[in-house]
Amino acid sequence: MLKTGTSVIKLLRSLMLILSLFFYAHIMFGASAKACGTIDMFVDKYFERGRWSNMTQERASRQTREISLRQTQKSALSQLDDCAIRSSYHGRESDLKLLELFYDFYYKRGGRDGRFSYYYHIYDVNKIVEKYNCLYGARDDERYRYISKYLSCSASAHEKYANWYMVNVPSGARIRDKPTLKGKKIATVPQYTMVDVLEEKGDWMKVKVVQYQLLYERPMYSGYMYRSLLVKY
């Protein structure tokens, strides 16, 4: 009887520990996800959109506005660096929005060496661009052709992302073990998940999941996905 009671106590302690860890992870990950925000927020922050009213801007000195701009640009780049991909990243749509920001940095502000410094903070902007798939979805834009010569990742981008597709269905897409609707369901992956197409079979594509826009890691599934659920990256 005593042994049984001891076993129950140990089991309850183990369950309490698991629940505590789960609760802690939920709080930490939830807070981080909330802090990340959206690509639109970061781009607007970088350009200080909505920060100054016309009257305030007229009163502020040029030096004050420049210092304020450097501060917000530093903050925007820092958040982009910390929140790569999980910041509501939507493939080509997000790449085009980010292109506006990085074109301003490399072309208008002369950041040709790929570095942004603010006091003791130094950011390698090339590395930030690389985290967003080298903005491959914006490759056909004239502005991208200009900044690509300053990007360390642009030379290998086509080779790496040429066969990438994105799940383009709000409800997500199923991966099956065979190229048929009768195939066993392996998993359902959310919208904006990136997959690498390994083979094409009629209306089906054999894929491997390569990127989620989520805070936590998930298995990189392989299997077959219906072609109409995907869009070229």
C-alpha atoms as a PDB file:
ATOM      1  CA  MET A   1       0.000   0.000   0.000  1.00  0.00           C
ATOM      2  CA  LEU A   2       2.863   2.343   0.916  1.00  0.00           C
ATOM      3  CA  LYS A   3       4.648   1.607  -2.379  1.00  0.00           C
ATOM      4  CA  THR A   4       1.450   2.394  -4.319  1.00  0.00           C
ATOM      5  CA  GLY A   5       1.054   5.729  -2.524  1.00  0.00           C
ATOM      6  CA  THR A   6       4.680   6.651  -3.242  1.00  0.00           C
ATOM      7  CA  SER A   7       4.247   5.800  -6.927  1.00  0.00           C
ATOM      8  CA  VAL A   8       1.144   7.992  -7.165  1.00  0.00           C
ATOM      9  CA  ILE A   9       2.979  10.916  -5.554  1.00  0.00           C
ATOM     10  CA  LYS A  10       5.893  10.534  -8.008  1.00  0.00           C
ATOM     11  CA  LEU A  11       3.462  10.408 -10.926  1.00  0.00           C
ATOM     12  CA  LEU A  12       1.687  13.569  -9.728  1.00  0.00           C
ATOM     13  CA  ARG A  13       5.004  15.374  -9.341  1.00  0.00           C
ATOM     14  CA  SER A  14       6.006  14.383 -12.878  1.00  0.00           C
ATOM     15  CA  LEU A  15       2.694  15.641 -14.236  1.00  0.00           C
ATOM     16  CA  MET A  16       3.081  18.909 -12.344  1.00  0.00           C
ATOM     17  CA  LEU A  17       6.572  19.358 -13.799  1.00  0.00           C
ATOM     18  CA  ILE A  18       5.344  18.699 -17.353  1.00  0.00           C
ATOM     19  CA  LEU A  19       2.436  21.143 -16.937  1.00  0.00           C
ATOM     20  CA  SER A  20       4.771  23.793 -15.520  1.00  0.00           C
ATOM     21  CA  LEU A  21       7.160  23.436 -18.466  1.00  0.00           C
ATOM     22  CA  PHE A  22       4.274  23.580 -20.925  1.00  0.00           C
ATOM     23  CA  PHE A  23       2.881  26.713 -19.266  1.00  0.00           C
ATOM     24  CA  TYR A  24       6.313  28.373 -19.268  1.00  0.00           C
ATOM     25  CA  ALA A  25       6.873  27.556 -22.962  1.00  0.00           C
ATOM     26  CA  HIS A  26       3.418  28.889 -23.826  1.00  0.00           C
ATOM     27  CA  ILE A  27       4.093  32.179 -22.047  1.00  0.00           C
ATOM     28  CA  MET A  28       7.550  32.614 -23.555  1.00  0.00           C
ATOM     29  CA  PHE A  29       6.622  31.648 -27.122  1.00  0.00           C
ATOM     30  CA  GLY A  30       3.341  33.551 -27.010  1.00  0.00           C
ATOM     31  CA  ALA A  31       5.080  36.716 -25.871  1.00  0.00           C
ATOM     32  CA  SER A  32       7.756  36.360 -28.544  1.00  0.00           C
ATOM     33  CA  ALA A  33       5.217  35.783 -31.280  1.00  0.00           C
ATOM     34  CA  LYS A  34       3.238  38.824 -30.189  1.00  0.00           C
ATOM     35  CA  ALA A  35       6.386  40.958 -30.077  1.00  0.00           C
ATOM     36  CA  CYS A  36       7.326  40.000 -33.619  1.00  0.00           C
ATOM     37  CA  GLY A  37       4.436  41.785 -35.288  1.00  0.00           C
ATOM     38  CA  THR A  38       4.152  41.980 -39.078  1.00  0.00           C
ATOM     39  CA  ILE A  39       6.354  42.853 -42.037  1.00  0.00           C
ATOM     40  CA  ASP A  40       4.173  45.933 -42.683  1.00  0.00           C
ATOM     41  CA  MET A  41       4.830  47.153 -39.147  1.00  0.00           C
ATOM     42  CA  PHE A  42       8.603  46.875 -39.557  1.00  0.00           C
ATOM     43  CA  VAL A  43       8.636  48.631 -42.931  1.00  0.00           C
ATOM     44  CA  ASP A  44       6.428  51.463 -41.632  1.00  0.00           C
ATOM     45  CA  LYS A  45       8.632  51.768 -38.579  1.00  0.00           C
ATOM     46  CA  TYR A  46      11.804  51.967 -40.682  1.00  0.00           C
ATOM     47  CA  PHE A  47      10.376  54.885 -42.686  1.00  0.00           C
ATOM     48  CA  GLU A  48       8.762  56.489 -39.600  1.00  0.00           C
ATOM     49  CA  ARG A  49       5.374  56.487 -41.277  1.00  0.00           C
ATOM     50  CA  GLY A  50       2.799  58.094 -39.036  1.00  0.00           C
ATOM     51  CA  ARG A  51       5.412  59.148 -36.462  1.00  0.00           C
ATOM     52  CA  TRP A  52       5.510  62.847 -37.273  1.00  0.00           C
ATOM     53  CA  SER A  53       2.546  65.122 -37.896  1.00  0.00           C
ATOM     54  CA  ASN A  54       3.178  67.920 -40.421  1.00  0.00           C
ATOM     55  CA  MET A  55       3.271  70.539 -37.672  1.00  0.00           C
ATOM     56  CA  THR A  56       5.649  68.531 -35.471  1.00  0.00           C
ATOM     57  CA  GLN A  57       7.928  67.822 -38.402  1.00  0.00           C
ATOM     58  CA  GLU A  58       8.137  71.520 -39.264  1.00  0.00           C
ATOM     59  CA  ARG A  59       9.084  72.415 -35.687  1.00  0.00           C
ATOM     60  CA  ALA A  60      11.651  69.668 -35.233  1.00  0.00           C
ATOM     61  CA  SER A  61      15.155  70.439 -36.369  1.00  0.00           C
ATOM     62  CA  ARG A  62      16.751  68.449 -39.167  1.00  0.00           C
ATOM     63  CA  GLN A  63      19.223  66.980 -36.677  1.00  0.00           C
ATOM     64  CA  THR A  64      16.405  65.872 -34.347  1.00  0.00           C
ATOM     65  CA  ARG A  65      14.560  64.193 -37.197  1.00  0.00           C
ATOM     66  CA  GLU A  66      17.739  62.455 -38.370  1.00  0.00           C
ATOM     67  CA  ILE A  67      18.523  61.127 -34.881  1.00  0.00           C
ATOM     68  CA  SER A  68      14.937  59.914 -34.513  1.00  0.00           C
ATOM     69  CA  LEU A  69      15.087  58.225 -37.911  1.00  0.00           C
ATOM     70  CA  ARG A  70      18.337  56.410 -37.053  1.00  0.00           C
ATOM     71  CA  GLN A  71      16.803  55.168 -33.821  1.00  0.00           C
ATOM     72  CA  THR A  72      13.686  53.784 -35.475  1.00  0.00           C
ATOM     73  CA  GLN A  73      15.696  52.258 -38.331  1.00  0.00           C
ATOM     74  CA  LYS A  74      17.926  50.512 -35.808  1.00  0.00           C
ATOM     75  CA  SER A  75      14.867  49.206 -33.984  1.00  0.00           C
ATOM     76  CA  ALA A  76      13.191  48.023 -37.204  1.00  0.00           C
ATOM     77  CA  LEU A  77      16.321  46.190 -38.410  1.00  0.00           C
ATOM     78  CA  SER A  78      16.802  44.618 -34.983  1.00  0.00           C
ATOM     79  CA  GLN A  79      13.242  43.255 -34.982  1.00  0.00           C
ATOM     80  CA  LEU A  80      13.575  42.016 -38.554  1.00  0.00           C
ATOM     81  CA  ASP A  81      16.721  40.181 -37.508  1.00  0.00           C
ATOM     82  CA  ASP A  82      15.138  38.628 -34.409  1.00  0.00           C
ATOM     83  CA  CYS A  83      11.790  37.755 -35.981  1.00  0.00           C
ATOM     84  CA  ALA A  84      12.881  36.454 -39.389  1.00  0.00           C
ATOM     85  CA  ILE A  85      10.257  34.398 -41.259  1.00  0.00           C
ATOM     86  CA  ARG A  86       7.814  34.179 -38.337  1.00  0.00           C
ATOM     87  CA  SER A  87       6.809  37.835 -38.756  1.00  0.00           C
ATOM     88  CA  SER A  88       3.699  37.080 -40.833  1.00  0.00           C
ATOM     89  CA  TYR A  89       5.987  36.252 -43.753  1.00  0.00           C
ATOM     90  CA  HIS A  90       3.958  35.689 -46.933  1.00  0.00           C
ATOM     91  CA  GLY A  91       6.583  34.835 -49.519  1.00  0.00           C
ATOM     92  CA  ARG A  92       6.650  37.042 -52.627  1.00  0.00           C
ATOM     93  CA  GLU A  93       4.198  39.562 -51.170  1.00  0.00           C
ATOM     94  CA  SER A  94       6.455  40.117 -48.144  1.00  0.00           C
ATOM     95  CA  ASP A  95       9.626  40.148 -50.252  1.00  0.00           C
ATOM     96  CA  LEU A  96       8.276  43.058 -52.314  1.00  0.00           C
ATOM     97  CA  LYS A  97       7.449  45.017 -49.164  1.00  0.00           C
ATOM     98  CA  LEU A  98      10.881  44.344 -47.696  1.00  0.00           C
ATOM     99  CA  LEU A  99      12.499  45.302 -50.990  1.00  0.00           C
ATOM    100  CA  GLU A 100      11.281  48.873 -50.454  1.00  0.00           C
ATOM    101  CA  LEU A 101      13.155  48.972 -47.147  1.00  0.00           C
ATOM    102  CA  PHE A 102      16.394  47.365 -48.329  1.00  0.00           C
ATOM    103  CA  TYR A 103      16.452  49.363 -51.568  1.00  0.00           C
ATOM    104  CA  ASP A 104      16.325  52.509 -49.439  1.00  0.00           C
ATOM    105  CA  PHE A 105      19.182  51.197 -47.306  1.00  0.00           C
ATOM    106  CA  TYR A 106      21.524  50.096 -50.114  1.00  0.00           C
ATOM    107  CA  TYR A 107      20.738  52.741 -52.727  1.00  0.00           C
ATOM    108  CA  LYS A 108      19.407  55.912 -51.103  1.00  0.00           C
ATOM    109  CA  ARG A 109      21.411  55.700 -47.887  1.00  0.00           C
ATOM    110  CA  GLY A 110      24.570  54.291 -49.418  1.00  0.00           C
ATOM    111  CA  GLY A 111      24.770  51.142 -47.286  1.00  0.00           C
ATOM    112  CA  ARG A 112      26.855  49.401 -49.934  1.00  0.00           C
ATOM    113  CA  ASP A 113      29.028  47.590 -47.387  1.00  0.00           C
ATOM    114  CA  GLY A 114      25.901  45.967 -45.929  1.00  0.00           C
ATOM    115  CA  ARG A 115      26.411  47.403 -42.432  1.00  0.00           C
ATOM    116  CA  PHE A 116      24.180  49.632 -40.366  1.00  0.00           C
ATOM    117  CA  SER A 117      25.720  51.205 -37.269  1.00  0.00           C
ATOM    118  CA  TYR A 118      24.098  53.155 -34.467  1.00  0.00           C
ATOM    119  CA  TYR A 119      26.419  53.955 -31.584  1.00  0.00           C
ATOM    120  CA  TYR A 120      27.724  50.543 -30.458  1.00  0.00           C
ATOM    121  CA  HIS A 121      25.076  48.607 -32.400  1.00  0.00           C
ATOM    122  CA  ILE A 122      26.292  47.199 -35.736  1.00  0.00           C
ATOM    123  CA  TYR A 123      23.942  45.162 -37.904  1.00  0.00           C
ATOM    124  CA  ASP A 124      25.006  43.028 -40.839  1.00  0.00           C
ATOM    125  CA  VAL A 125      22.121  43.850 -43.166  1.00  0.00           C
ATOM    126  CA  ASN A 126      23.271  41.249 -45.689  1.00  0.00           C
ATOM    127  CA  LYS A 127      22.654  38.567 -43.075  1.00  0.00           C
ATOM    128  CA  ILE A 128      19.179  39.936 -42.370  1.00  0.00           C
ATOM    129  CA  VAL A 129      18.286  39.826 -46.082  1.00  0.00           C
ATOM    130  CA  GLU A 130      19.580  36.250 -46.239  1.00  0.00           C
ATOM    131  CA  LYS A 131      17.173  35.248 -43.444  1.00  0.00           C
ATOM    132  CA  TYR A 132      14.299  36.381 -45.676  1.00  0.00           C
ATOM    133  CA  ASN A 133      15.355  34.033 -48.480  1.00  0.00           C
ATOM    134  CA  CYS A 134      17.454  36.777 -50.085  1.00  0.00           C
ATOM    135  CA  LEU A 135      14.125  38.385 -51.133  1.00  0.00           C
ATOM    136  CA  TYR A 136      13.995  35.825 -53.950  1.00  0.00           C
ATOM    137  CA  GLY A 137      10.273  36.454 -54.501  1.00  0.00           C
ATOM    138  CA  ALA A 138      11.100  40.025 -55.605  1.00  0.00           C
ATOM    139  CA  ARG A 139      13.767  38.975 -58.113  1.00  0.00           C
ATOM    140  CA  ASP A 140      11.893  40.349 -61.147  1.00  0.00           C
ATOM    141  CA  ASP A 141      11.656  43.848 -59.706  1.00  0.00           C
ATOM    142  CA  GLU A 142      14.054  46.433 -61.143  1.00  0.00           C
ATOM    143  CA  ARG A 143      15.063  47.543 -57.655  1.00  0.00           C
ATOM    144  CA  TYR A 144      16.144  44.012 -56.785  1.00  0.00           C
ATOM    145  CA  ARG A 145      18.452  43.914 -59.801  1.00  0.00           C
ATOM    146  CA  TYR A 146      20.146  46.994 -58.451  1.00  0.00           C
ATOM    147  CA  ILE A 147      20.718  45.824 -54.863  1.00  0.00           C
ATOM    148  CA  SER A 148      21.558  42.216 -55.800  1.00  0.00           C
ATOM    149  CA  LYS A 149      25.151  43.200 -56.565  1.00  0.00           C
ATOM    150  CA  TYR A 150      25.560  44.142 -52.899  1.00  0.00           C
ATOM    151  CA  LEU A 151      23.916  40.989 -51.509  1.00  0.00           C
ATOM    152  CA  SER A 152      26.223  38.146 -50.535  1.00  0.00           C
ATOM    153  CA  CYS A 153      23.373  35.643 -50.964  1.00  0.00           C
ATOM    154  CA  SER A 154      22.221  36.645 -54.459  1.00  0.00           C
ATOM    155  CA  ALA A 155      24.756  34.495 -56.327  1.00  0.00           C
ATOM    156  CA  SER A 156      23.392  31.233 -54.896  1.00  0.00           C
ATOM    157  CA  ALA A 157      19.744  32.334 -54.530  1.00  0.00           C
ATOM    158  CA  HIS A 158      18.493  30.966 -57.868  1.00  0.00           C
ATOM    159  CA  GLU A 159      20.102  27.587 -57.303  1.00  0.00           C
ATOM    160  CA  LYS A 160      18.619  27.319 -53.810  1.00  0.00           C
ATOM    161  CA  TYR A 161      15.088  28.665 -54.350  1.00  0.00           C
ATOM    162  CA  ALA A 162      14.340  27.865 -58.004  1.00  0.00           C
ATOM    163  CA  ASN A 163      12.123  24.879 -57.121  1.00  0.00           C
ATOM    164  CA  TRP A 164      10.444  26.392 -54.087  1.00  0.00           C
ATOM    165  CA  TYR A 165       6.658  26.707 -53.967  1.00  0.00           C
ATOM    166  CA  MET A 166       4.348  28.131 -51.310  1.00  0.00           C
ATOM    167  CA  VAL A 167       1.094  26.764 -49.889  1.00  0.00           C
ATOM    168  CA  ASN A 168      -1.490  29.279 -51.045  1.00  0.00           C
ATOM    169  CA  VAL A 169      -4.684  27.992 -49.411  1.00  0.00           C
ATOM    170  CA  PRO A 170      -6.016  29.571 -46.170  1.00  0.00           C
ATOM    171  CA  SER A 171      -7.039  26.174 -44.803  1.00  0.00           C
ATOM    172  CA  GLY A 172      -3.585  24.707 -45.439  1.00  0.00           C
ATOM    173  CA  ALA A 173      -2.617  21.720 -47.574  1.00  0.00           C
ATOM    174  CA  ARG A 174      -2.371  17.992 -46.983  1.00  0.00           C
ATOM    175  CA  ILE A 175       0.717  15.948 -47.695  1.00  0.00           C
ATOM    176  CA  ARG A 176       0.035  12.332 -48.701  1.00  0.00           C
ATOM    177  CA  ASP A 177       2.235   9.269 -49.083  1.00  0.00           C
ATOM    178  CA  LYS A 178       1.040   8.644 -52.671  1.00  0.00           C
ATOM    179  CA  PRO A 179       0.007  10.915 -55.599  1.00  0.00           C
ATOM    180  CA  THR A 180      -3.693  10.177 -55.179  1.00  0.00           C
ATOM    181  CA  LEU A 181      -6.542  11.338 -52.949  1.00  0.00           C
ATOM    182  CA  LYS A 182      -6.621   7.787 -51.581  1.00  0.00           C
ATOM    183  CA  GLY A 183      -3.075   8.149 -50.328  1.00  0.00           C
ATOM    184  CA  LYS A 184      -2.539   8.179 -46.563  1.00  0.00           C
ATOM    185  CA  LYS A 185      -2.451  11.662 -45.047  1.00  0.00           C
ATOM    186  CA  ILE A 186       1.006  12.365 -43.584  1.00  0.00           C
ATOM    187  CA  ALA A 187       0.303  15.888 -42.339  1.00  0.00           C
ATOM    188  CA  THR A 188      -1.550  19.139 -42.977  1.00  0.00           C
ATOM    189  CA  VAL A 189       0.721  22.175 -43.253  1.00  0.00           C
ATOM    190  CA  PRO A 190      -0.481  25.802 -42.876  1.00  0.00           C
ATOM    191  CA  GLN A 191      -0.737  28.509 -45.524  1.00  0.00           C
ATOM    192  CA  TYR A 192       2.560  30.179 -46.508  1.00  0.00           C
ATOM    193  CA  THR A 193       4.574  27.031 -45.789  1.00  0.00           C
ATOM    194  CA  MET A 194       7.457  26.722 -48.260  1.00  0.00           C
ATOM    195  CA  VAL A 195       8.139  23.410 -49.996  1.00  0.00           C
ATOM    196  CA  ASP A 196      10.871  22.246 -52.342  1.00  0.00           C
ATOM    197  CA  VAL A 197       9.452  20.381 -55.352  1.00  0.00           C
ATOM    198  CA  LEU A 198      11.425  17.196 -55.958  1.00  0.00           C
ATOM    199  CA  GLU A 199       9.303  15.657 -58.711  1.00  0.00           C
ATOM    200  CA  GLU A 200       6.131  16.315 -60.710  1.00  0.00           C
ATOM    201  CA  LYS A 201       3.501  13.674 -61.499  1.00  0.00           C
ATOM    202  CA  GLY A 202       0.513  15.050 -63.390  1.00  0.00           C
ATOM    203  CA  ASP A 203      -1.612  17.043 -60.962  1.00  0.00           C
ATOM    204  CA  TRP A 204       0.655  16.075 -58.072  1.00  0.00           C
ATOM    205  CA  MET A 205       4.032  17.237 -56.841  1.00  0.00           C
ATOM    206  CA  LYS A 206       6.443  15.351 -54.642  1.00  0.00           C
ATOM    207  CA  VAL A 207       7.599  17.892 -52.086  1.00  0.00           C
ATOM    208  CA  LYS A 208       9.698  18.395 -49.004  1.00  0.00           C
ATOM    209  CA  VAL A 209       8.765  21.039 -46.463  1.00  0.00           C
ATOM    210  CA  VAL A 210      11.673  23.476 -46.130  1.00  0.00           C
ATOM    211  CA  GLN A 211      10.258  26.431 -44.181  1.00  0.00           C
ATOM    212  CA  TYR A 212       7.442  27.330 -41.796  1.00  0.00           C
ATOM    213  CA  GLN A 213       6.587  30.866 -40.729  1.00  0.00           C
ATOM    214  CA  LEU A 214       6.132  29.639 -37.152  1.00  0.00           C
ATOM    215  CA  LEU A 215       7.894  30.274 -33.874  1.00  0.00           C
ATOM    216  CA  TYR A 216       8.590  26.652 -33.069  1.00  0.00           C
ATOM    217  CA  GLU A 217      10.185  23.878 -35.090  1.00  0.00           C
ATOM    218  CA  ARG A 218       8.005  21.321 -36.841  1.00  0.00           C
ATOM    219  CA  PRO A 219       8.944  18.188 -38.784  1.00  0.00           C
ATOM    220  CA  MET A 220      10.113  18.739 -42.352  1.00  0.00           C
ATOM    221  CA  TYR A 221       7.642  16.352 -43.955  1.00  0.00           C
ATOM    222  CA  SER A 222       8.042  14.799 -47.402  1.00  0.00           C
ATOM    223  CA  GLY A 223       5.271  13.460 -49.597  1.00  0.00           C
ATOM    224  CA  TYR A 224       2.832  14.378 -52.355  1.00  0.00           C
ATOM    225  CA  MET A 225       0.790  17.555 -52.572  1.00  0.00           C
ATOM    226  CA  TYR A 226      -1.899  18.577 -55.054  1.00  0.00           C
ATOM    227  CA  ARG A 227      -0.502  21.093 -57.563  1.00  0.00           C
ATOM    228  CA  SER A 228      -3.401  23.587 -57.328  1.00  0.00           C
ATOM    229  CA  LEU A 229      -2.667  24.142 -53.623  1.00  0.00           C
ATOM    230  CA  LEU A 230       0.745  25.594 -54.427  1.00  0.00           C
ATOM    231  CA  VAL A 231       2.023  28.757 -56.050  1.00  0.00           C
ATOM    232  CA  LYS A 232       5.509  29.389 -57.437  1.00  0.00           C
ATOM    233  CA  TYR A 233       7.749  31.314 -55.030  1.00  0.00           C
END
